[in-house]
Amino acid sequence: MNKQQHSSKKKEGFFENRILPIITVLSGVILLVYKGLEFISKYVLILILFTLMIASLYLLFMKEIVGAVIGFLFAALGYYMYKIIFKQKRNSR
C-alpha cells in the first residue's frame, strides 16, 4: 500500500516550477500594457480630432479654404477610424 501512495504522487518538473510562472506573469504584463495603450490611444485620438476641428475652424476664419477643407477631411477620416476601431470592439465583447 505504501508503494501505491508513492507511485500516485505526481512529480513536477522544471517547466512547471520555473518556466510556466514566468510565462504567466509575462503574459499578464503584456495584457495590462495592451489595455493601457488601448485606453490612452482612444483619448489621444479624440484629442487629435478635437484639435483638427479647432485648427480647421481657425483656418476657415482666416480664409484659408484649402487648409480648412484638408483639416475637415482628415478630421472626418479620423472620426471614421475611431468609429471603426473602438465602436466595433465594444460590440464584439
PDB file of N, CA and C in Angstrom:
ATOM      1  N   MET A   1       0.829  -1.192   0.000  1.00  0.00           N
ATOM      2  CA  MET A   1       0.000   0.000   0.000  1.00  0.00           C
ATOM      3  C   MET A   1       0.870   1.250   0.000  1.00  0.00           C
ATOM      4  N   ASN A   2       1.980   1.174   0.680  1.00  0.00           N
ATOM      5  CA  ASN A   2       2.874   2.312   0.745  1.00  0.00           C
ATOM      6  C   ASN A   2       3.460   2.626  -0.627  1.00  0.00           C
ATOM      7  N   LYS A   3       3.723   1.591  -1.432  1.00  0.00           N
ATOM      8  CA  LYS A   3       4.268   1.810  -2.766  1.00  0.00           C
ATOM      9  C   LYS A   3       3.237   2.470  -3.678  1.00  0.00           C
ATOM     10  N   GLN A   4       1.971   2.157  -3.503  1.00  0.00           N
ATOM     11  CA  GLN A   4       0.934   2.761  -4.332  1.00  0.00           C
ATOM     12  C   GLN A   4       0.812   4.255  -4.048  1.00  0.00           C
ATOM     13  N   GLN A   5       0.971   4.648  -2.819  1.00  0.00           N
ATOM     14  CA  GLN A   5       0.897   6.067  -2.492  1.00  0.00           C
ATOM     15  C   GLN A   5       2.035   6.829  -3.147  1.00  0.00           C
ATOM     16  N   HIS A   6       3.213   6.250  -3.154  1.00  0.00           N
ATOM     17  CA  HIS A   6       4.353   6.929  -3.767  1.00  0.00           C
ATOM     18  C   HIS A   6       4.221   6.977  -5.281  1.00  0.00           C
ATOM     19  N   SER A   7       3.646   5.957  -5.873  1.00  0.00           N
ATOM     20  CA  SER A   7       3.539   5.939  -7.329  1.00  0.00           C
ATOM     21  C   SER A   7       2.458   6.893  -7.824  1.00  0.00           C
ATOM     22  N   SER A   8       1.475   7.201  -6.979  1.00  0.00           N
ATOM     23  CA  SER A   8       0.420   8.108  -7.414  1.00  0.00           C
ATOM     24  C   SER A   8       0.818   9.579  -7.279  1.00  0.00           C
ATOM     25  N   LYS A   9       1.927   9.855  -6.591  1.00  0.00           N
ATOM     26  CA  LYS A   9       2.394  11.238  -6.486  1.00  0.00           C
ATOM     27  C   LYS A   9       2.863  11.723  -7.842  1.00  0.00           C
ATOM     28  N   LYS A  10       2.512  12.916  -8.158  1.00  0.00           N
ATOM     29  CA  LYS A  10       2.923  13.482  -9.444  1.00  0.00           C
ATOM     30  C   LYS A  10       4.160  14.333  -9.216  1.00  0.00           C
ATOM     31  N   LYS A  11       5.186  14.055  -9.972  1.00  0.00           N
ATOM     32  CA  LYS A  11       6.400  14.850  -9.869  1.00  0.00           C
ATOM     33  C   LYS A  11       6.278  16.051 -10.789  1.00  0.00           C
ATOM     34  N   GLU A  12       6.540  17.206 -10.240  1.00  0.00           N
ATOM     35  CA  GLU A  12       6.535  18.404 -11.066  1.00  0.00           C
ATOM     36  C   GLU A  12       7.945  18.648 -11.564  1.00  0.00           C
ATOM     37  N   GLY A  13       8.042  18.999 -12.820  1.00  0.00           N
ATOM     38  CA  GLY A  13       9.345  19.192 -13.421  1.00  0.00           C
ATOM     39  C   GLY A  13       9.788  20.638 -13.402  1.00  0.00           C
ATOM     40  N   PHE A  14      10.864  20.870 -14.115  1.00  0.00           N
ATOM     41  CA  PHE A  14      11.456  22.206 -14.196  1.00  0.00           C
ATOM     42  C   PHE A  14      10.505  23.189 -14.875  1.00  0.00           C
ATOM     43  N   PHE A  15       9.798  22.715 -15.910  1.00  0.00           N
ATOM     44  CA  PHE A  15       8.903  23.601 -16.652  1.00  0.00           C
ATOM     45  C   PHE A  15       7.774  24.117 -15.766  1.00  0.00           C
ATOM     46  N   GLU A  16       7.152  23.224 -15.008  1.00  0.00           N
ATOM     47  CA  GLU A  16       6.029  23.634 -14.163  1.00  0.00           C
ATOM     48  C   GLU A  16       6.466  24.533 -13.017  1.00  0.00           C
ATOM     49  N   ASN A  17       7.666  24.327 -12.513  1.00  0.00           N
ATOM     50  CA  ASN A  17       8.131  25.107 -11.365  1.00  0.00           C
ATOM     51  C   ASN A  17       8.750  26.443 -11.747  1.00  0.00           C
ATOM     52  N   ARG A  18       9.453  26.507 -12.844  1.00  0.00           N
ATOM     53  CA  ARG A  18      10.226  27.710 -13.180  1.00  0.00           C
ATOM     54  C   ARG A  18       9.690  28.461 -14.395  1.00  0.00           C
ATOM     55  N   ILE A  19       9.497  27.761 -15.478  1.00  0.00           N
ATOM     56  CA  ILE A  19       9.188  28.411 -16.750  1.00  0.00           C
ATOM     57  C   ILE A  19       7.731  28.870 -16.813  1.00  0.00           C
ATOM     58  N   LEU A  20       6.807  28.019 -16.436  1.00  0.00           N
ATOM     59  CA  LEU A  20       5.383  28.340 -16.549  1.00  0.00           C
ATOM     60  C   LEU A  20       4.976  29.577 -15.742  1.00  0.00           C
ATOM     61  N   PRO A  21       5.418  29.762 -14.494  1.00  0.00           N
ATOM     62  CA  PRO A  21       5.066  31.007 -13.788  1.00  0.00           C
ATOM     63  C   PRO A  21       5.622  32.258 -14.463  1.00  0.00           C
ATOM     64  N   ILE A  22       6.817  32.152 -15.038  1.00  0.00           N
ATOM     65  CA  ILE A  22       7.394  33.307 -15.734  1.00  0.00           C
ATOM     66  C   ILE A  22       6.562  33.651 -16.958  1.00  0.00           C
ATOM     67  N   ILE A  23       6.156  32.642 -17.723  1.00  0.00           N
ATOM     68  CA  ILE A  23       5.326  32.877 -18.907  1.00  0.00           C
ATOM     69  C   ILE A  23       3.984  33.476 -18.505  1.00  0.00           C
ATOM     70  N   THR A  24       3.402  32.996 -17.418  1.00  0.00           N
ATOM     71  CA  THR A  24       2.116  33.516 -16.949  1.00  0.00           C
ATOM     72  C   THR A  24       2.225  34.983 -16.544  1.00  0.00           C
ATOM     73  N   VAL A  25       3.265  35.326 -15.812  1.00  0.00           N
ATOM     74  CA  VAL A  25       3.461  36.716 -15.388  1.00  0.00           C
ATOM     75  C   VAL A  25       3.706  37.616 -16.595  1.00  0.00           C
ATOM     76  N   LEU A  26       4.532  37.165 -17.529  1.00  0.00           N
ATOM     77  CA  LEU A  26       4.810  37.972 -18.723  1.00  0.00           C
ATOM     78  C   LEU A  26       3.560  38.192 -19.563  1.00  0.00           C
ATOM     79  N   SER A  27       2.730  37.169 -19.711  1.00  0.00           N
ATOM     80  CA  SER A  27       1.504  37.349 -20.487  1.00  0.00           C
ATOM     81  C   SER A  27       0.548  38.314 -19.784  1.00  0.00           C
ATOM     82  N   GLY A  28       0.503  38.276 -18.461  1.00  0.00           N
ATOM     83  CA  GLY A  28      -0.323  39.231 -17.721  1.00  0.00           C
ATOM     84  C   GLY A  28       0.169  40.654 -17.872  1.00  0.00           C
ATOM     85  N   VAL A  29       1.482  40.852 -17.831  1.00  0.00           N
ATOM     86  CA  VAL A  29       2.056  42.189 -18.007  1.00  0.00           C
ATOM     87  C   VAL A  29       1.783  42.704 -19.413  1.00  0.00           C
ATOM     88  N   ILE A  30       1.944  41.849 -20.413  1.00  0.00           N
ATOM     89  CA  ILE A  30       1.678  42.256 -21.798  1.00  0.00           C
ATOM     90  C   ILE A  30       0.213  42.633 -21.968  1.00  0.00           C
ATOM     91  N   LEU A  31      -0.690  41.884 -21.347  1.00  0.00           N
ATOM     92  CA  LEU A  31      -2.114  42.210 -21.429  1.00  0.00           C
ATOM     93  C   LEU A  31      -2.409  43.557 -20.780  1.00  0.00           C
ATOM     94  N   LEU A  32      -1.807  43.831 -19.621  1.00  0.00           N
ATOM     95  CA  LEU A  32      -2.014  45.121 -18.955  1.00  0.00           C
ATOM     96  C   LEU A  32      -1.475  46.277 -19.792  1.00  0.00           C
ATOM     97  N   VAL A  33      -0.316  46.096 -20.400  1.00  0.00           N
ATOM     98  CA  VAL A  33       0.256  47.141 -21.255  1.00  0.00           C
ATOM     99  C   VAL A  33      -0.646  47.385 -22.458  1.00  0.00           C
ATOM    100  N   TYR A  34      -1.158  46.316 -23.058  1.00  0.00           N
ATOM    101  CA  TYR A  34      -2.050  46.454 -24.213  1.00  0.00           C
ATOM    102  C   TYR A  34      -3.317  47.214 -23.837  1.00  0.00           C
ATOM    103  N   LYS A  35      -3.930  46.842 -22.722  1.00  0.00           N
ATOM    104  CA  LYS A  35      -5.163  47.526 -22.298  1.00  0.00           C
ATOM    105  C   LYS A  35      -4.893  48.995 -21.981  1.00  0.00           C
ATOM    106  N   GLY A  36      -3.758  49.282 -21.358  1.00  0.00           N
ATOM    107  CA  GLY A  36      -3.407  50.670 -21.059  1.00  0.00           C
ATOM    108  C   GLY A  36      -3.187  51.480 -22.319  1.00  0.00           C
ATOM    109  N   LEU A  37      -2.467  50.920 -23.272  1.00  0.00           N
ATOM    110  CA  LEU A  37      -2.233  51.634 -24.530  1.00  0.00           C
ATOM    111  C   LEU A  37      -3.519  51.812 -25.320  1.00  0.00           C
ATOM    112  N   GLU A  38      -4.408  50.831 -25.275  1.00  0.00           N
ATOM    113  CA  GLU A  38      -5.691  50.963 -25.956  1.00  0.00           C
ATOM    114  C   GLU A  38      -6.501  52.108 -25.337  1.00  0.00           C
ATOM    115  N   PHE A  39      -6.506  52.197 -24.017  1.00  0.00           N
ATOM    116  CA  PHE A  39      -7.231  53.254 -23.322  1.00  0.00           C
ATOM    117  C   PHE A  39      -6.644  54.625 -23.651  1.00  0.00           C
ATOM    118  N   ILE A  40      -5.309  54.725 -23.615  1.00  0.00           N
ATOM    119  CA  ILE A  40      -4.651  56.002 -23.898  1.00  0.00           C
ATOM    120  C   ILE A  40      -4.847  56.409 -25.350  1.00  0.00           C
ATOM    121  N   SER A  41      -4.720  55.458 -26.275  1.00  0.00           N
ATOM    122  CA  SER A  41      -4.844  55.797 -27.698  1.00  0.00           C
ATOM    123  C   SER A  41      -6.246  56.277 -28.040  1.00  0.00           C
ATOM    124  N   LYS A  42      -7.234  55.772 -27.346  1.00  0.00           N
ATOM    125  CA  LYS A  42      -8.608  56.210 -27.585  1.00  0.00           C
ATOM    126  C   LYS A  42      -8.757  57.703 -27.291  1.00  0.00           C
ATOM    127  N   TYR A  43      -8.237  58.138 -26.155  1.00  0.00           N
ATOM    128  CA  TYR A  43      -8.390  59.537 -25.787  1.00  0.00           C
ATOM    129  C   TYR A  43      -7.421  60.447 -26.527  1.00  0.00           C
ATOM    130  N   VAL A  44      -6.276  59.928 -26.928  1.00  0.00           N
ATOM    131  CA  VAL A  44      -5.366  60.715 -27.767  1.00  0.00           C
ATOM    132  C   VAL A  44      -6.003  60.959 -29.129  1.00  0.00           C
ATOM    133  N   LEU A  45      -6.667  59.949 -29.681  1.00  0.00           N
ATOM    134  CA  LEU A  45      -7.342  60.116 -30.969  1.00  0.00           C
ATOM    135  C   LEU A  45      -8.474  61.135 -30.867  1.00  0.00           C
ATOM    136  N   ILE A  46      -9.227  61.109 -29.785  1.00  0.00           N
ATOM    137  CA  ILE A  46     -10.291  62.103 -29.594  1.00  0.00           C
ATOM    138  C   ILE A  46      -9.695  63.500 -29.475  1.00  0.00           C
ATOM    139  N   LEU A  47      -8.585  63.639 -28.758  1.00  0.00           N
ATOM    140  CA  LEU A  47      -7.916  64.931 -28.621  1.00  0.00           C
ATOM    141  C   LEU A  47      -7.407  65.437 -29.968  1.00  0.00           C
ATOM    142  N   ILE A  48      -6.846  64.552 -30.775  1.00  0.00           N
ATOM    143  CA  ILE A  48      -6.371  64.941 -32.105  1.00  0.00           C
ATOM    144  C   ILE A  48      -7.531  65.388 -32.979  1.00  0.00           C
ATOM    145  N   LEU A  49      -8.654  64.685 -32.920  1.00  0.00           N
ATOM    146  CA  LEU A  49      -9.824  65.082 -33.712  1.00  0.00           C
ATOM    147  C   LEU A  49     -10.333  66.453 -33.287  1.00  0.00           C
ATOM    148  N   PHE A  50     -10.390  66.689 -31.989  1.00  0.00           N
ATOM    149  CA  PHE A  50     -10.836  67.984 -31.484  1.00  0.00           C
ATOM    150  C   PHE A  50      -9.887  69.092 -31.938  1.00  0.00           C
ATOM    151  N   THR A  51      -8.578  68.833 -31.879  1.00  0.00           N
ATOM    152  CA  THR A  51      -7.585  69.816 -32.313  1.00  0.00           C
ATOM    153  C   THR A  51      -7.696  70.090 -33.807  1.00  0.00           C
ATOM    154  N   LEU A  52      -7.927  69.055 -34.590  1.00  0.00           N
ATOM    155  CA  LEU A  52      -8.106  69.246 -36.035  1.00  0.00           C
ATOM    156  C   LEU A  52      -9.329  70.105 -36.336  1.00  0.00           C
ATOM    157  N   MET A  53     -10.404  69.892 -35.602  1.00  0.00           N
ATOM    158  CA  MET A  53     -11.610  70.704 -35.825  1.00  0.00           C
ATOM    159  C   MET A  53     -11.352  72.169 -35.468  1.00  0.00           C
ATOM    160  N   ILE A  54     -10.681  72.426 -34.358  1.00  0.00           N
ATOM    161  CA  ILE A  54     -10.368  73.800 -33.955  1.00  0.00           C
ATOM    162  C   ILE A  54      -9.449  74.458 -34.973  1.00  0.00           C
ATOM    163  N   ALA A  55      -8.421  73.725 -35.415  1.00  0.00           N
ATOM    164  CA  ALA A  55      -7.491  74.276 -36.406  1.00  0.00           C
ATOM    165  C   ALA A  55      -8.191  74.543 -37.730  1.00  0.00           C
ATOM    166  N   SER A  56      -9.100  73.667 -38.126  1.00  0.00           N
ATOM    167  CA  SER A  56      -9.834  73.871 -39.375  1.00  0.00           C
ATOM    168  C   SER A  56     -10.752  75.084 -39.277  1.00  0.00           C
ATOM    169  N   LEU A  57     -11.399  75.260 -38.135  1.00  0.00           N
ATOM    170  CA  LEU A  57     -12.244  76.443 -37.954  1.00  0.00           C
ATOM    171  C   LEU A  57     -11.408  77.719 -37.972  1.00  0.00           C
ATOM    172  N   TYR A  58     -10.221  77.663 -37.382  1.00  0.00           N
ATOM    173  CA  TYR A  58      -9.320  78.817 -37.409  1.00  0.00           C
ATOM    174  C   TYR A  58      -8.900  79.131 -38.843  1.00  0.00           C
ATOM    175  N   LEU A  59      -8.540  78.101 -39.601  1.00  0.00           N
ATOM    176  CA  LEU A  59      -8.153  78.319 -40.998  1.00  0.00           C
ATOM    177  C   LEU A  59      -9.323  78.844 -41.822  1.00  0.00           C
ATOM    178  N   LEU A  60     -10.518  78.381 -41.535  1.00  0.00           N
ATOM    179  CA  LEU A  60     -11.699  78.885 -42.234  1.00  0.00           C
ATOM    180  C   LEU A  60     -11.930  80.349 -41.898  1.00  0.00           C
ATOM    181  N   PHE A  61     -11.711  80.710 -40.637  1.00  0.00           N
ATOM    182  CA  PHE A  61     -11.846  82.098 -40.212  1.00  0.00           C
ATOM    183  C   PHE A  61     -10.801  82.988 -40.884  1.00  0.00           C
ATOM    184  N   MET A  62      -9.602  82.447 -41.105  1.00  0.00           N
ATOM    185  CA  MET A  62      -8.524  83.205 -41.750  1.00  0.00           C
ATOM    186  C   MET A  62      -8.618  83.155 -43.276  1.00  0.00           C
ATOM    187  N   LYS A  63      -9.694  82.587 -43.790  1.00  0.00           N
ATOM    188  CA  LYS A  63      -9.971  82.482 -45.222  1.00  0.00           C
ATOM    189  C   LYS A  63      -8.942  81.622 -45.964  1.00  0.00           C
ATOM    190  N   GLU A  64      -8.418  80.636 -45.290  1.00  0.00           N
ATOM    191  CA  GLU A  64      -7.557  79.626 -45.920  1.00  0.00           C
ATOM    192  C   GLU A  64      -8.436  78.403 -46.190  1.00  0.00           C
ATOM    193  N   ILE A  65      -9.163  78.466 -47.278  1.00  0.00           N
ATOM    194  CA  ILE A  65     -10.195  77.471 -47.569  1.00  0.00           C
ATOM    195  C   ILE A  65      -9.593  76.079 -47.799  1.00  0.00           C
ATOM    196  N   VAL A  66      -8.490  76.025 -48.556  1.00  0.00           N
ATOM    197  CA  VAL A  66      -7.897  74.722 -48.878  1.00  0.00           C
ATOM    198  C   VAL A  66      -7.402  74.028 -47.604  1.00  0.00           C
ATOM    199  N   GLY A  67      -6.739  74.766 -46.736  1.00  0.00           N
ATOM    200  CA  GLY A  67      -6.265  74.187 -45.478  1.00  0.00           C
ATOM    201  C   GLY A  67      -7.417  73.739 -44.597  1.00  0.00           C
ATOM    202  N   ALA A  68      -8.491  74.523 -44.569  1.00  0.00           N
ATOM    203  CA  ALA A  68      -9.656  74.161 -43.763  1.00  0.00           C
ATOM    204  C   ALA A  68     -10.322  72.897 -44.299  1.00  0.00           C
ATOM    205  N   VAL A  69     -10.420  72.807 -45.621  1.00  0.00           N
ATOM    206  CA  VAL A  69     -11.035  71.616 -46.222  1.00  0.00           C
ATOM    207  C   VAL A  69     -10.190  70.376 -45.929  1.00  0.00           C
ATOM    208  N   ILE A  70      -8.871  70.518 -46.043  1.00  0.00           N
ATOM    209  CA  ILE A  70      -7.988  69.387 -45.741  1.00  0.00           C
ATOM    210  C   ILE A  70      -8.114  68.995 -44.264  1.00  0.00           C
ATOM    211  N   GLY A  71      -8.183  69.972 -43.376  1.00  0.00           N
ATOM    212  CA  GLY A  71      -8.344  69.682 -41.950  1.00  0.00           C
ATOM    213  C   GLY A  71      -9.658  68.985 -41.647  1.00  0.00           C
ATOM    214  N   PHE A  72     -10.754  69.473 -42.246  1.00  0.00           N
ATOM    215  CA  PHE A  72     -12.048  68.829 -42.036  1.00  0.00           C
ATOM    216  C   PHE A  72     -12.060  67.416 -42.619  1.00  0.00           C
ATOM    217  N   LEU A  73     -11.385  67.239 -43.763  1.00  0.00           N
ATOM    218  CA  LEU A  73     -11.310  65.919 -44.378  1.00  0.00           C
ATOM    219  C   LEU A  73     -10.564  64.937 -43.470  1.00  0.00           C
ATOM    220  N   PHE A  74      -9.431  65.371 -42.936  1.00  0.00           N
ATOM    221  CA  PHE A  74      -8.684  64.496 -42.032  1.00  0.00           C
ATOM    222  C   PHE A  74      -9.442  64.261 -40.725  1.00  0.00           C
ATOM    223  N   ALA A  75     -10.180  65.246 -40.264  1.00  0.00           N
ATOM    224  CA  ALA A  75     -10.990  65.051 -39.058  1.00  0.00           C
ATOM    225  C   ALA A  75     -12.094  64.026 -39.319  1.00  0.00           C
ATOM    226  N   ALA A  76     -12.712  64.103 -40.498  1.00  0.00           N
ATOM    227  CA  ALA A  76     -13.754  63.130 -40.841  1.00  0.00           C
ATOM    228  C   ALA A  76     -13.169  61.724 -40.965  1.00  0.00           C
ATOM    229  N   LEU A  77     -12.004  61.613 -41.589  1.00  0.00           N
ATOM    230  CA  LEU A  77     -11.361  60.304 -41.705  1.00  0.00           C
ATOM    231  C   LEU A  77     -10.941  59.772 -40.331  1.00  0.00           C
ATOM    232  N   GLY A  78     -10.468  60.654 -39.466  1.00  0.00           N
ATOM    233  CA  GLY A  78     -10.095  60.241 -38.112  1.00  0.00           C
ATOM    234  C   GLY A  78     -11.297  59.772 -37.315  1.00  0.00           C
ATOM    235  N   TYR A  79     -12.428  60.464 -37.467  1.00  0.00           N
ATOM    236  CA  TYR A  79     -13.639  60.043 -36.770  1.00  0.00           C
ATOM    237  C   TYR A  79     -14.109  58.688 -37.288  1.00  0.00           C
ATOM    238  N   TYR A  80     -14.020  58.506 -38.601  1.00  0.00           N
ATOM    239  CA  TYR A  80     -14.407  57.229 -39.189  1.00  0.00           C
ATOM    240  C   TYR A  80     -13.516  56.106 -38.653  1.00  0.00           C
ATOM    241  N   MET A  81     -12.210  56.386 -38.539  1.00  0.00           N
ATOM    242  CA  MET A  81     -11.273  55.408 -37.995  1.00  0.00           C
ATOM    243  C   MET A  81     -11.610  55.111 -36.528  1.00  0.00           C
ATOM    244  N   TYR A  82     -11.904  56.148 -35.758  1.00  0.00           N
ATOM    245  CA  TYR A  82     -12.289  55.963 -34.356  1.00  0.00           C
ATOM    246  C   TYR A  82     -13.543  55.100 -34.260  1.00  0.00           C
ATOM    247  N   LYS A  83     -14.502  55.400 -35.119  1.00  0.00           N
ATOM    248  CA  LYS A  83     -15.762  54.671 -35.100  1.00  0.00           C
ATOM    249  C   LYS A  83     -15.547  53.196 -35.446  1.00  0.00           C
ATOM    250  N   ILE A  84     -14.712  52.931 -36.433  1.00  0.00           N
ATOM    251  CA  ILE A  84     -14.453  51.552 -36.838  1.00  0.00           C
ATOM    252  C   ILE A  84     -13.696  50.795 -35.747  1.00  0.00           C
ATOM    253  N   ILE A  85     -12.625  51.389 -35.247  1.00  0.00           N
ATOM    254  CA  ILE A  85     -11.748  50.665 -34.316  1.00  0.00           C
ATOM    255  C   ILE A  85     -12.403  50.469 -32.956  1.00  0.00           C
ATOM    256  N   PHE A  86     -12.890  51.543 -32.351  1.00  0.00           N
ATOM    257  CA  PHE A  86     -13.307  51.454 -30.954  1.00  0.00           C
ATOM    258  C   PHE A  86     -14.769  51.069 -30.778  1.00  0.00           C
ATOM    259  N   LYS A  87     -15.621  51.432 -31.709  1.00  0.00           N
ATOM    260  CA  LYS A  87     -17.029  51.068 -31.547  1.00  0.00           C
ATOM    261  C   LYS A  87     -17.256  49.597 -31.873  1.00  0.00           C
ATOM    262  N   GLN A  88     -16.539  49.055 -32.862  1.00  0.00           N
ATOM    263  CA  GLN A  88     -16.716  47.644 -33.187  1.00  0.00           C
ATOM    264  C   GLN A  88     -16.135  46.743 -32.112  1.00  0.00           C
ATOM    265  N   LYS A  89     -15.074  47.180 -31.439  1.00  0.00           N
ATOM    266  CA  LYS A  89     -14.509  46.378 -30.349  1.00  0.00           C
ATOM    267  C   LYS A  89     -15.511  46.252 -29.211  1.00  0.00           C
ATOM    268  N   ARG A  90     -16.238  47.325 -28.944  1.00  0.00           N
ATOM    269  CA  ARG A  90     -17.204  47.280 -27.851  1.00  0.00           C
ATOM    270  C   ARG A  90     -18.365  46.351 -28.210  1.00  0.00           C
ATOM    271  N   ASN A  91     -18.779  46.329 -29.485  1.00  0.00           N
ATOM    272  CA  ASN A  91     -19.883  45.470 -29.894  1.00  0.00           C
ATOM    273  C   ASN A  91     -19.494  43.996 -29.908  1.00  0.00           C
ATOM    274  N   SER A  92     -18.220  43.698 -30.153  1.00  0.00           N
ATOM    275  CA  SER A  92     -17.801  42.303 -30.239  1.00  0.00           C
ATOM    276  C   SER A  92     -17.570  41.673 -28.872  1.00  0.00           C
ATOM    277  N   ARG A  93     -17.560  42.430 -27.807  1.00  0.00           N
ATOM    278  CA  ARG A  93     -17.322  41.875 -26.461  1.00  0.00           C
ATOM    279  C   ARG A  93     -18.521  41.183 -25.920  1.00  0.00           C
TER     280      ARG A  93
END
